[in-house]
Amino acid sequence: MPSTVTPDVLEMVRASIGPAPDDFELPLPPVNLTVEEEREHRKRELAAAFRVFGKLGFSEGVAGHITARDPEHPDTFWVNPFGMSFNQIKVSDLIHVDHVGNLLHGKRPVNRAAFCIHSEVHKARPDAVAAAHAHSLNGKAFASLGIPLAPITQDACAFYEDQGLYSDFRGVVNDTEEGRRIGVALGGAKAVILQNHGLLTVGQSVAAAAWWFITMERSCQAQLLAMAAGTPTLVDHDTAVDVRNQTGNPVAGWFQFRPLWDQIVADSPDLFD
């Protein structure tokens, strides 16, 4: 798939690497794809993200879902089948549904909570290609505190002033109104902490949404450990903003998922079936 290195992306990449040849090669998000190519690309990243989430232990029974907006029909999205293990999902297993609840493609039902949350999040954030939510252990534990993630590490700075907090938990999400309220709490941020529930992230690519979830989950774990040991020291405002701008942008999110992509593709020969 074709890629173009734009000046801003090139500047970001060069700021992140050491000595390199002038003609260095790095994977970059594909551009100038046809609708069909873009759809296939998103579905492949979606299936890979599920496998990675499964490998990292983010599954909790039938809970958890990642969605990818369809490039041709943006009021529809692709999602995992209800009750299927993250570790077994293939491209051909993905379900296609619209924002009003019509099943457009697939042989299994969609998790009701997935539809109620993600349909509204996608409506609220037309810029977001993907949204990720799972009941990961540290995300659940941290969400119970009802506080935002603090800038206590370099990785956590990616979410500095770029996260929401939804504090109106009303049980399992069974209606789109709660999904709408979650979308409001998310606002224009890349992530929202769902109090007493877990984490939800969005991205301008499936890979970025998945990476924001992974690194936020780990940052929650780091803050829980630090708070248990004492009082964490905060990164100052200006530094936190600088780090967020460097590590929290869409291209950085896509690129940081790439090693996980390479590993899961190599380990899963059936992934793209």
C-alpha atoms as a PDB file:
ATOM      1  CA  MET A   1       0.000   0.000   0.000  1.00  0.00           C
ATOM      2  CA  PRO A   2       1.372   3.439  -0.937  1.00  0.00           C
ATOM      3  CA  SER A   3       2.655   5.820   1.714  1.00  0.00           C
ATOM      4  CA  THR A   4       3.739   9.443   1.585  1.00  0.00           C
ATOM      5  CA  VAL A   5       6.120  11.087   4.028  1.00  0.00           C
ATOM      6  CA  THR A   6       4.740  14.581   4.582  1.00  0.00           C
ATOM      7  CA  PRO A   7       7.036  17.269   6.045  1.00  0.00           C
ATOM      8  CA  ASP A   8       5.332  17.247   9.457  1.00  0.00           C
ATOM      9  CA  VAL A   9       5.512  13.466   9.678  1.00  0.00           C
ATOM     10  CA  LEU A  10       9.145  13.493   8.562  1.00  0.00           C
ATOM     11  CA  GLU A  11       9.959  16.066  11.249  1.00  0.00           C
ATOM     12  CA  MET A  12       8.270  13.929  13.902  1.00  0.00           C
ATOM     13  CA  VAL A  13      10.082  10.796  12.775  1.00  0.00           C
ATOM     14  CA  ARG A  14      13.470  12.487  12.646  1.00  0.00           C
ATOM     15  CA  ALA A  15      12.933  13.893  16.150  1.00  0.00           C
ATOM     16  CA  SER A  16      12.420  10.355  17.420  1.00  0.00           C
ATOM     17  CA  ILE A  17      15.378   8.548  15.886  1.00  0.00           C
ATOM     18  CA  GLY A  18      19.130   8.691  16.202  1.00  0.00           C
ATOM     19  CA  PRO A  19      21.698   8.544  13.415  1.00  0.00           C
ATOM     20  CA  ALA A  20      20.152   7.225  10.195  1.00  0.00           C
ATOM     21  CA  PRO A  21      20.872   7.221   6.468  1.00  0.00           C
ATOM     22  CA  ASP A  22      19.189   9.893   4.353  1.00  0.00           C
ATOM     23  CA  ASP A  23      17.119   7.273   2.575  1.00  0.00           C
ATOM     24  CA  PHE A  24      15.984   5.403   5.717  1.00  0.00           C
ATOM     25  CA  GLU A  25      12.806   3.350   5.496  1.00  0.00           C
ATOM     26  CA  LEU A  26      10.158   3.113   8.197  1.00  0.00           C
ATOM     27  CA  PRO A  27       6.554   1.895   8.032  1.00  0.00           C
ATOM     28  CA  LEU A  28       4.089   4.772   7.791  1.00  0.00           C
ATOM     29  CA  PRO A  29       0.298   4.948   7.594  1.00  0.00           C
ATOM     30  CA  PRO A  30      -0.889   4.189   4.048  1.00  0.00           C
ATOM     31  CA  VAL A  31      -2.392   7.048   2.050  1.00  0.00           C
ATOM     32  CA  ASN A  32      -4.131   7.513  -1.305  1.00  0.00           C
ATOM     33  CA  LEU A  33      -5.973   4.205  -1.003  1.00  0.00           C
ATOM     34  CA  THR A  34      -9.123   3.341  -2.876  1.00  0.00           C
ATOM     35  CA  VAL A  35     -12.252   2.860  -0.766  1.00  0.00           C
ATOM     36  CA  GLU A  36     -11.912  -0.904  -1.131  1.00  0.00           C
ATOM     37  CA  GLU A  37      -8.245  -0.833  -0.111  1.00  0.00           C
ATOM     38  CA  GLU A  38      -8.983   1.415   2.873  1.00  0.00           C
ATOM     39  CA  ARG A  39     -11.799  -0.847   4.035  1.00  0.00           C
ATOM     40  CA  GLU A  40      -9.550  -3.911   3.835  1.00  0.00           C
ATOM     41  CA  HIS A  41      -6.764  -2.062   5.630  1.00  0.00           C
ATOM     42  CA  ARG A  42      -9.065  -1.039   8.498  1.00  0.00           C
ATOM     43  CA  LYS A  43     -10.502  -4.530   8.821  1.00  0.00           C
ATOM     44  CA  ARG A  44      -7.017  -6.060   8.936  1.00  0.00           C
ATOM     45  CA  GLU A  45      -5.908  -3.620  11.630  1.00  0.00           C
ATOM     46  CA  LEU A  46      -9.142  -4.339  13.525  1.00  0.00           C
ATOM     47  CA  ALA A  47      -8.652  -8.109  13.491  1.00  0.00           C
ATOM     48  CA  ALA A  48      -5.010  -7.661  14.512  1.00  0.00           C
ATOM     49  CA  ALA A  49      -6.002  -5.332  17.358  1.00  0.00           C
ATOM     50  CA  PHE A  50      -8.356  -7.981  18.747  1.00  0.00           C
ATOM     51  CA  ARG A  51      -5.601 -10.596  18.663  1.00  0.00           C
ATOM     52  CA  VAL A  52      -3.224  -8.202  20.446  1.00  0.00           C
ATOM     53  CA  PHE A  53      -5.853  -7.384  23.091  1.00  0.00           C
ATOM     54  CA  GLY A  54      -6.394 -11.102  23.613  1.00  0.00           C
ATOM     55  CA  LYS A  55      -2.677 -11.733  23.950  1.00  0.00           C
ATOM     56  CA  LEU A  56      -2.387  -8.927  26.511  1.00  0.00           C
ATOM     57  CA  GLY A  57      -5.214 -10.386  28.594  1.00  0.00           C
ATOM     58  CA  PHE A  58      -7.734  -7.601  28.030  1.00  0.00           C
ATOM     59  CA  SER A  59     -10.651  -9.978  27.488  1.00  0.00           C
ATOM     60  CA  GLU A  60     -13.196 -10.475  30.271  1.00  0.00           C
ATOM     61  CA  GLY A  61     -15.809 -13.001  29.220  1.00  0.00           C
ATOM     62  CA  VAL A  62     -17.889 -11.439  26.453  1.00  0.00           C
ATOM     63  CA  ALA A  63     -17.030  -7.841  27.397  1.00  0.00           C
ATOM     64  CA  GLY A  64     -14.918  -5.582  25.222  1.00  0.00           C
ATOM     65  CA  HIS A  65     -15.146  -4.265  21.696  1.00  0.00           C
ATOM     66  CA  ILE A  66     -13.201  -2.330  19.089  1.00  0.00           C
ATOM     67  CA  THR A  67     -14.885  -0.674  16.133  1.00  0.00           C
ATOM     68  CA  ALA A  68     -13.694   0.696  12.807  1.00  0.00           C
ATOM     69  CA  ARG A  69     -15.741   3.179  10.777  1.00  0.00           C
ATOM     70  CA  ASP A  70     -16.414   2.074   7.213  1.00  0.00           C
ATOM     71  CA  PRO A  71     -14.649   4.459   4.782  1.00  0.00           C
ATOM     72  CA  GLU A  72     -17.434   4.368   2.174  1.00  0.00           C
ATOM     73  CA  HIS A  73     -20.401   4.479   4.560  1.00  0.00           C
ATOM     74  CA  PRO A  74     -19.216   6.514   7.593  1.00  0.00           C
ATOM     75  CA  ASP A  75     -22.504   6.006   9.441  1.00  0.00           C
ATOM     76  CA  THR A  76     -21.640   2.300   9.727  1.00  0.00           C
ATOM     77  CA  PHE A  77     -18.845   0.427  11.479  1.00  0.00           C
ATOM     78  CA  TRP A  78     -17.146  -2.966  11.748  1.00  0.00           C
ATOM     79  CA  VAL A  79     -17.018  -4.735  15.123  1.00  0.00           C
ATOM     80  CA  ASN A  80     -16.296  -8.091  16.760  1.00  0.00           C
ATOM     81  CA  PRO A  81     -18.964 -10.813  16.929  1.00  0.00           C
ATOM     82  CA  PHE A  82     -20.674 -11.182  20.308  1.00  0.00           C
ATOM     83  CA  GLY A  83     -19.180 -13.947  22.431  1.00  0.00           C
ATOM     84  CA  MET A  84     -16.157 -14.695  20.235  1.00  0.00           C
ATOM     85  CA  SER A  85     -12.688 -14.866  21.782  1.00  0.00           C
ATOM     86  CA  PHE A  86     -10.391 -11.991  20.864  1.00  0.00           C
ATOM     87  CA  ASN A  87      -7.710 -14.619  20.265  1.00  0.00           C
ATOM     88  CA  GLN A  88      -9.676 -16.273  17.465  1.00  0.00           C
ATOM     89  CA  ILE A  89     -11.093 -13.327  15.520  1.00  0.00           C
ATOM     90  CA  LYS A  90     -10.226 -13.217  11.809  1.00  0.00           C
ATOM     91  CA  VAL A  91     -11.032 -10.581   9.206  1.00  0.00           C
ATOM     92  CA  SER A  92     -13.864 -12.745   7.872  1.00  0.00           C
ATOM     93  CA  ASP A  93     -15.493 -12.860  11.332  1.00  0.00           C
ATOM     94  CA  LEU A  94     -16.041  -9.096  11.584  1.00  0.00           C
ATOM     95  CA  ILE A  95     -19.591  -7.763  11.774  1.00  0.00           C
ATOM     96  CA  HIS A  96     -20.834  -4.704   9.849  1.00  0.00           C
ATOM     97  CA  VAL A  97     -23.616  -2.631  11.475  1.00  0.00           C
ATOM     98  CA  ASP A  98     -25.079   0.827  10.996  1.00  0.00           C
ATOM     99  CA  HIS A  99     -25.705   3.500  13.619  1.00  0.00           C
ATOM    100  CA  VAL A 100     -29.400   2.697  13.952  1.00  0.00           C
ATOM    101  CA  GLY A 101     -28.924  -0.999  14.630  1.00  0.00           C
ATOM    102  CA  ASN A 102     -29.214  -2.735  11.266  1.00  0.00           C
ATOM    103  CA  LEU A 103     -26.921  -5.704  10.702  1.00  0.00           C
ATOM    104  CA  LEU A 104     -25.390  -5.266   7.253  1.00  0.00           C
ATOM    105  CA  HIS A 105     -22.909  -8.145   7.192  1.00  0.00           C
ATOM    106  CA  GLY A 106     -22.066 -11.030   9.485  1.00  0.00           C
ATOM    107  CA  LYS A 107     -23.270 -14.364  10.799  1.00  0.00           C
ATOM    108  CA  ARG A 108     -23.396 -13.570  14.527  1.00  0.00           C
ATOM    109  CA  PRO A 109     -25.046 -10.885  16.677  1.00  0.00           C
ATOM    110  CA  VAL A 110     -23.373  -7.745  17.971  1.00  0.00           C
ATOM    111  CA  ASN A 111     -22.862  -7.104  21.686  1.00  0.00           C
ATOM    112  CA  ARG A 112     -25.673  -4.711  22.666  1.00  0.00           C
ATOM    113  CA  ALA A 113     -23.369  -2.616  24.828  1.00  0.00           C
ATOM    114  CA  ALA A 114     -20.925  -2.378  21.941  1.00  0.00           C
ATOM    115  CA  PHE A 115     -23.635  -1.000  19.675  1.00  0.00           C
ATOM    116  CA  CYS A 116     -25.038   1.385  22.287  1.00  0.00           C
ATOM    117  CA  ILE A 117     -21.628   2.837  23.126  1.00  0.00           C
ATOM    118  CA  HIS A 118     -19.826   2.817  19.812  1.00  0.00           C
ATOM    119  CA  SER A 119     -22.683   4.013  17.609  1.00  0.00           C
ATOM    120  CA  GLU A 120     -22.947   7.145  19.741  1.00  0.00           C
ATOM    121  CA  VAL A 121     -19.191   7.642  20.074  1.00  0.00           C
ATOM    122  CA  HIS A 122     -18.821   7.460  16.297  1.00  0.00           C
ATOM    123  CA  LYS A 123     -21.679   9.948  15.893  1.00  0.00           C
ATOM    124  CA  ALA A 124     -20.081  12.316  18.397  1.00  0.00           C
ATOM    125  CA  ARG A 125     -16.617  12.025  16.850  1.00  0.00           C
ATOM    126  CA  PRO A 126     -16.778  12.045  13.036  1.00  0.00           C
ATOM    127  CA  ASP A 127     -12.990  12.492  13.013  1.00  0.00           C
ATOM    128  CA  ALA A 128     -12.438   9.181  14.813  1.00  0.00           C
ATOM    129  CA  VAL A 129     -11.900   6.150  12.596  1.00  0.00           C
ATOM    130  CA  ALA A 130     -11.895   3.698  15.503  1.00  0.00           C
ATOM    131  CA  ALA A 131     -12.887   3.286  19.147  1.00  0.00           C
ATOM    132  CA  ALA A 132     -11.596   0.706  21.630  1.00  0.00           C
ATOM    133  CA  HIS A 133     -13.059  -0.434  24.948  1.00  0.00           C
ATOM    134  CA  ALA A 134     -12.243  -3.452  27.091  1.00  0.00           C
ATOM    135  CA  HIS A 135     -12.543  -4.489  30.738  1.00  0.00           C
ATOM    136  CA  SER A 136      -8.801  -4.600  31.350  1.00  0.00           C
ATOM    137  CA  LEU A 137      -7.701  -5.173  34.940  1.00  0.00           C
ATOM    138  CA  ASN A 138      -5.754  -1.986  35.633  1.00  0.00           C
ATOM    139  CA  GLY A 139      -8.171   0.177  33.679  1.00  0.00           C
ATOM    140  CA  LYS A 140     -11.051  -1.132  35.799  1.00  0.00           C
ATOM    141  CA  ALA A 141      -9.157  -0.609  39.035  1.00  0.00           C
ATOM    142  CA  PHE A 142      -8.086   2.916  38.134  1.00  0.00           C
ATOM    143  CA  ALA A 143     -11.537   3.853  36.847  1.00  0.00           C
ATOM    144  CA  SER A 144     -13.010   3.095  40.276  1.00  0.00           C
ATOM    145  CA  LEU A 145     -11.089   6.076  41.694  1.00  0.00           C
ATOM    146  CA  GLY A 146     -12.997   8.581  39.583  1.00  0.00           C
ATOM    147  CA  ILE A 147      -9.892  10.656  38.838  1.00  0.00           C
ATOM    148  CA  PRO A 148      -8.009  11.476  35.633  1.00  0.00           C
ATOM    149  CA  LEU A 149      -4.706   9.906  34.699  1.00  0.00           C
ATOM    150  CA  ALA A 150      -1.938  12.144  36.029  1.00  0.00           C
ATOM    151  CA  PRO A 151       1.216  13.171  34.128  1.00  0.00           C
ATOM    152  CA  ILE A 152       3.594  11.166  36.312  1.00  0.00           C
ATOM    153  CA  THR A 153       5.434   9.356  33.492  1.00  0.00           C
ATOM    154  CA  GLN A 154       6.467  10.099  29.938  1.00  0.00           C
ATOM    155  CA  ASP A 155       3.875   7.654  28.610  1.00  0.00           C
ATOM    156  CA  ALA A 156       1.047   9.138  30.679  1.00  0.00           C
ATOM    157  CA  CYS A 157       1.807  12.566  29.227  1.00  0.00           C
ATOM    158  CA  ALA A 158       0.236  11.394  25.951  1.00  0.00           C
ATOM    159  CA  PHE A 159      -3.113  11.878  27.748  1.00  0.00           C
ATOM    160  CA  TYR A 160      -2.290  15.171  29.454  1.00  0.00           C
ATOM    161  CA  GLU A 161      -5.295  17.481  29.007  1.00  0.00           C
ATOM    162  CA  ASP A 162      -6.495  14.993  26.395  1.00  0.00           C
ATOM    163  CA  GLN A 163      -8.862  12.735  28.336  1.00  0.00           C
ATOM    164  CA  GLY A 164     -12.405  12.837  29.619  1.00  0.00           C
ATOM    165  CA  LEU A 165     -14.072  11.393  32.721  1.00  0.00           C
ATOM    166  CA  TYR A 166     -17.540   9.829  32.667  1.00  0.00           C
ATOM    167  CA  SER A 167     -18.784   9.583  36.243  1.00  0.00           C
ATOM    168  CA  ASP A 168     -22.417   8.566  35.731  1.00  0.00           C
ATOM    169  CA  PHE A 169     -22.201   4.761  35.705  1.00  0.00           C
ATOM    170  CA  ARG A 170     -25.665   3.191  35.553  1.00  0.00           C
ATOM    171  CA  GLY A 171     -24.890  -0.476  35.038  1.00  0.00           C
ATOM    172  CA  VAL A 172     -24.442  -2.423  31.800  1.00  0.00           C
ATOM    173  CA  VAL A 173     -24.966  -0.083  28.863  1.00  0.00           C
ATOM    174  CA  ASN A 174     -28.284  -1.133  27.329  1.00  0.00           C
ATOM    175  CA  ASP A 175     -29.446   2.073  25.655  1.00  0.00           C
ATOM    176  CA  THR A 176     -27.934   4.581  23.268  1.00  0.00           C
ATOM    177  CA  GLU A 177     -28.643   7.474  25.649  1.00  0.00           C
ATOM    178  CA  GLU A 178     -25.832   6.353  27.933  1.00  0.00           C
ATOM    179  CA  GLY A 179     -23.637   5.945  24.859  1.00  0.00           C
ATOM    180  CA  ARG A 180     -24.481   9.537  23.958  1.00  0.00           C
ATOM    181  CA  ARG A 181     -23.460  10.713  27.446  1.00  0.00           C
ATOM    182  CA  ILE A 182     -20.182   8.835  27.122  1.00  0.00           C
ATOM    183  CA  GLY A 183     -19.605  10.613  23.814  1.00  0.00           C
ATOM    184  CA  VAL A 184     -20.193  13.956  25.533  1.00  0.00           C
ATOM    185  CA  ALA A 185     -17.718  13.064  28.297  1.00  0.00           C
ATOM    186  CA  LEU A 186     -15.144  12.039  25.691  1.00  0.00           C
ATOM    187  CA  GLY A 187     -15.468  15.393  23.945  1.00  0.00           C
ATOM    188  CA  GLY A 188     -12.553  16.035  21.609  1.00  0.00           C
ATOM    189  CA  ALA A 189     -10.093  13.897  23.590  1.00  0.00           C
ATOM    190  CA  LYS A 190      -8.407  10.640  22.610  1.00  0.00           C
ATOM    191  CA  ALA A 191      -9.637   8.807  25.717  1.00  0.00           C
ATOM    192  CA  VAL A 192     -12.291   8.770  28.399  1.00  0.00           C
ATOM    193  CA  ILE A 193     -12.195   7.054  31.783  1.00  0.00           C
ATOM    194  CA  LEU A 194     -15.536   5.382  32.488  1.00  0.00           C
ATOM    195  CA  GLN A 195     -15.874   5.490  36.274  1.00  0.00           C
ATOM    196  CA  ASN A 196     -16.568   2.039  37.788  1.00  0.00           C
ATOM    197  CA  HIS A 197     -16.286   0.569  34.295  1.00  0.00           C
ATOM    198  CA  GLY A 198     -12.974   0.945  32.445  1.00  0.00           C
ATOM    199  CA  LEU A 199     -11.301   2.824  29.610  1.00  0.00           C
ATOM    200  CA  LEU A 200     -12.331   3.886  26.117  1.00  0.00           C
ATOM    201  CA  THR A 201     -10.033   5.351  23.492  1.00  0.00           C
ATOM    202  CA  VAL A 202     -10.469   6.674  19.964  1.00  0.00           C
ATOM    203  CA  GLY A 203      -8.045   7.252  17.111  1.00  0.00           C
ATOM    204  CA  GLN A 204      -7.719   8.427  13.550  1.00  0.00           C
ATOM    205  CA  SER A 205      -6.708   4.851  12.728  1.00  0.00           C
ATOM    206  CA  VAL A 206      -7.540   1.498  14.270  1.00  0.00           C
ATOM    207  CA  ALA A 207      -3.891   1.082  15.213  1.00  0.00           C
ATOM    208  CA  ALA A 208      -3.817   4.412  17.053  1.00  0.00           C
ATOM    209  CA  ALA A 209      -7.032   3.711  18.981  1.00  0.00           C
ATOM    210  CA  ALA A 210      -5.658   0.316  20.005  1.00  0.00           C
ATOM    211  CA  TRP A 211      -2.294   1.758  21.039  1.00  0.00           C
ATOM    212  CA  TRP A 212      -3.889   4.533  23.115  1.00  0.00           C
ATOM    213  CA  PHE A 213      -5.852   1.878  24.977  1.00  0.00           C
ATOM    214  CA  ILE A 214      -2.776  -0.288  25.567  1.00  0.00           C
ATOM    215  CA  THR A 215      -0.555   2.515  26.798  1.00  0.00           C
ATOM    216  CA  MET A 216      -3.348   4.050  28.897  1.00  0.00           C
ATOM    217  CA  GLU A 217      -3.967   0.683  30.568  1.00  0.00           C
ATOM    218  CA  ARG A 218      -0.266   0.435  31.422  1.00  0.00           C
ATOM    219  CA  SER A 219      -0.153   4.037  32.593  1.00  0.00           C
ATOM    220  CA  CYS A 220      -3.091   3.284  34.913  1.00  0.00           C
ATOM    221  CA  GLN A 221      -1.085   0.395  36.325  1.00  0.00           C
ATOM    222  CA  ALA A 222       1.962   2.622  36.812  1.00  0.00           C
ATOM    223  CA  GLN A 223      -0.078   5.259  38.651  1.00  0.00           C
ATOM    224  CA  LEU A 224      -1.740   2.665  40.883  1.00  0.00           C
ATOM    225  CA  LEU A 225       1.693   1.290  41.811  1.00  0.00           C
ATOM    226  CA  ALA A 226       3.117   4.763  42.404  1.00  0.00           C
ATOM    227  CA  MET A 227       0.155   5.823  44.570  1.00  0.00           C
ATOM    228  CA  ALA A 228       0.481   2.643  46.616  1.00  0.00           C
ATOM    229  CA  ALA A 229       4.143   3.435  47.270  1.00  0.00           C
ATOM    230  CA  GLY A 230       3.781   7.135  48.012  1.00  0.00           C
ATOM    231  CA  THR A 231       2.898  10.450  46.393  1.00  0.00           C
ATOM    232  CA  PRO A 232       3.908  10.556  42.699  1.00  0.00           C
ATOM    233  CA  THR A 233       5.750  13.599  41.390  1.00  0.00           C
ATOM    234  CA  LEU A 234       3.968  15.308  38.506  1.00  0.00           C
ATOM    235  CA  VAL A 235       5.631  16.337  35.265  1.00  0.00           C
ATOM    236  CA  ASP A 236       5.347  20.122  34.920  1.00  0.00           C
ATOM    237  CA  HIS A 237       2.737  21.586  32.554  1.00  0.00           C
ATOM    238  CA  ASP A 238       5.037  22.780  29.763  1.00  0.00           C
ATOM    239  CA  THR A 239       6.989  19.536  29.645  1.00  0.00           C
ATOM    240  CA  ALA A 240       3.800  17.464  29.712  1.00  0.00           C
ATOM    241  CA  VAL A 241       2.415  19.430  26.768  1.00  0.00           C
ATOM    242  CA  ASP A 242       5.650  19.013  24.800  1.00  0.00           C
ATOM    243  CA  VAL A 243       5.705  15.267  25.432  1.00  0.00           C
ATOM    244  CA  ARG A 244       2.022  14.943  24.514  1.00  0.00           C
ATOM    245  CA  ASN A 245       2.606  16.754  21.242  1.00  0.00           C
ATOM    246  CA  GLN A 246       5.484  14.441  20.385  1.00  0.00           C
ATOM    247  CA  THR A 247       4.128  11.082  21.560  1.00  0.00           C
ATOM    248  CA  GLY A 248       0.377  11.644  21.590  1.00  0.00           C
ATOM    249  CA  ASN A 249      -0.258  12.560  17.963  1.00  0.00           C
ATOM    250  CA  PRO A 250      -2.081  10.274  15.481  1.00  0.00           C
ATOM    251  CA  VAL A 251       1.018   9.194  13.555  1.00  0.00           C
ATOM    252  CA  ALA A 252       2.874   8.366  16.774  1.00  0.00           C
ATOM    253  CA  GLY A 253      -0.096   6.286  17.904  1.00  0.00           C
ATOM    254  CA  TRP A 254      -0.171   4.365  14.627  1.00  0.00           C
ATOM    255  CA  PHE A 255       3.593   3.845  14.603  1.00  0.00           C
ATOM    256  CA  GLN A 256       3.838   2.661  18.218  1.00  0.00           C
ATOM    257  CA  PHE A 257       1.323  -0.093  17.499  1.00  0.00           C
ATOM    258  CA  ARG A 258       3.491  -1.329  14.613  1.00  0.00           C
ATOM    259  CA  PRO A 259       5.779  -3.705  16.559  1.00  0.00           C
ATOM    260  CA  LEU A 260       2.702  -5.379  18.033  1.00  0.00           C
ATOM    261  CA  TRP A 261       1.217  -5.594  14.528  1.00  0.00           C
ATOM    262  CA  ASP A 262       4.360  -7.224  13.144  1.00  0.00           C
ATOM    263  CA  GLN A 263       4.450  -9.748  15.964  1.00  0.00           C
ATOM    264  CA  ILE A 264       0.772 -10.719  15.824  1.00  0.00           C
ATOM    265  CA  VAL A 265       0.794 -11.021  12.022  1.00  0.00           C
ATOM    266  CA  ALA A 266       3.819 -13.307  12.209  1.00  0.00           C
ATOM    267  CA  ASP A 267       2.207 -15.417  14.940  1.00  0.00           C
ATOM    268  CA  SER A 268      -1.283 -15.643  13.361  1.00  0.00           C
ATOM    269  CA  PRO A 269      -1.248 -17.139   9.847  1.00  0.00           C
ATOM    270  CA  ASP A 270      -5.079 -17.288   9.819  1.00  0.00           C
ATOM    271  CA  LEU A 271      -5.564 -13.633  10.819  1.00  0.00           C
ATOM    272  CA  PHE A 272      -6.456 -12.316   7.363  1.00  0.00           C
ATOM    273  CA  ASP A 273      -8.684 -15.229   6.351  1.00  0.00           C
END
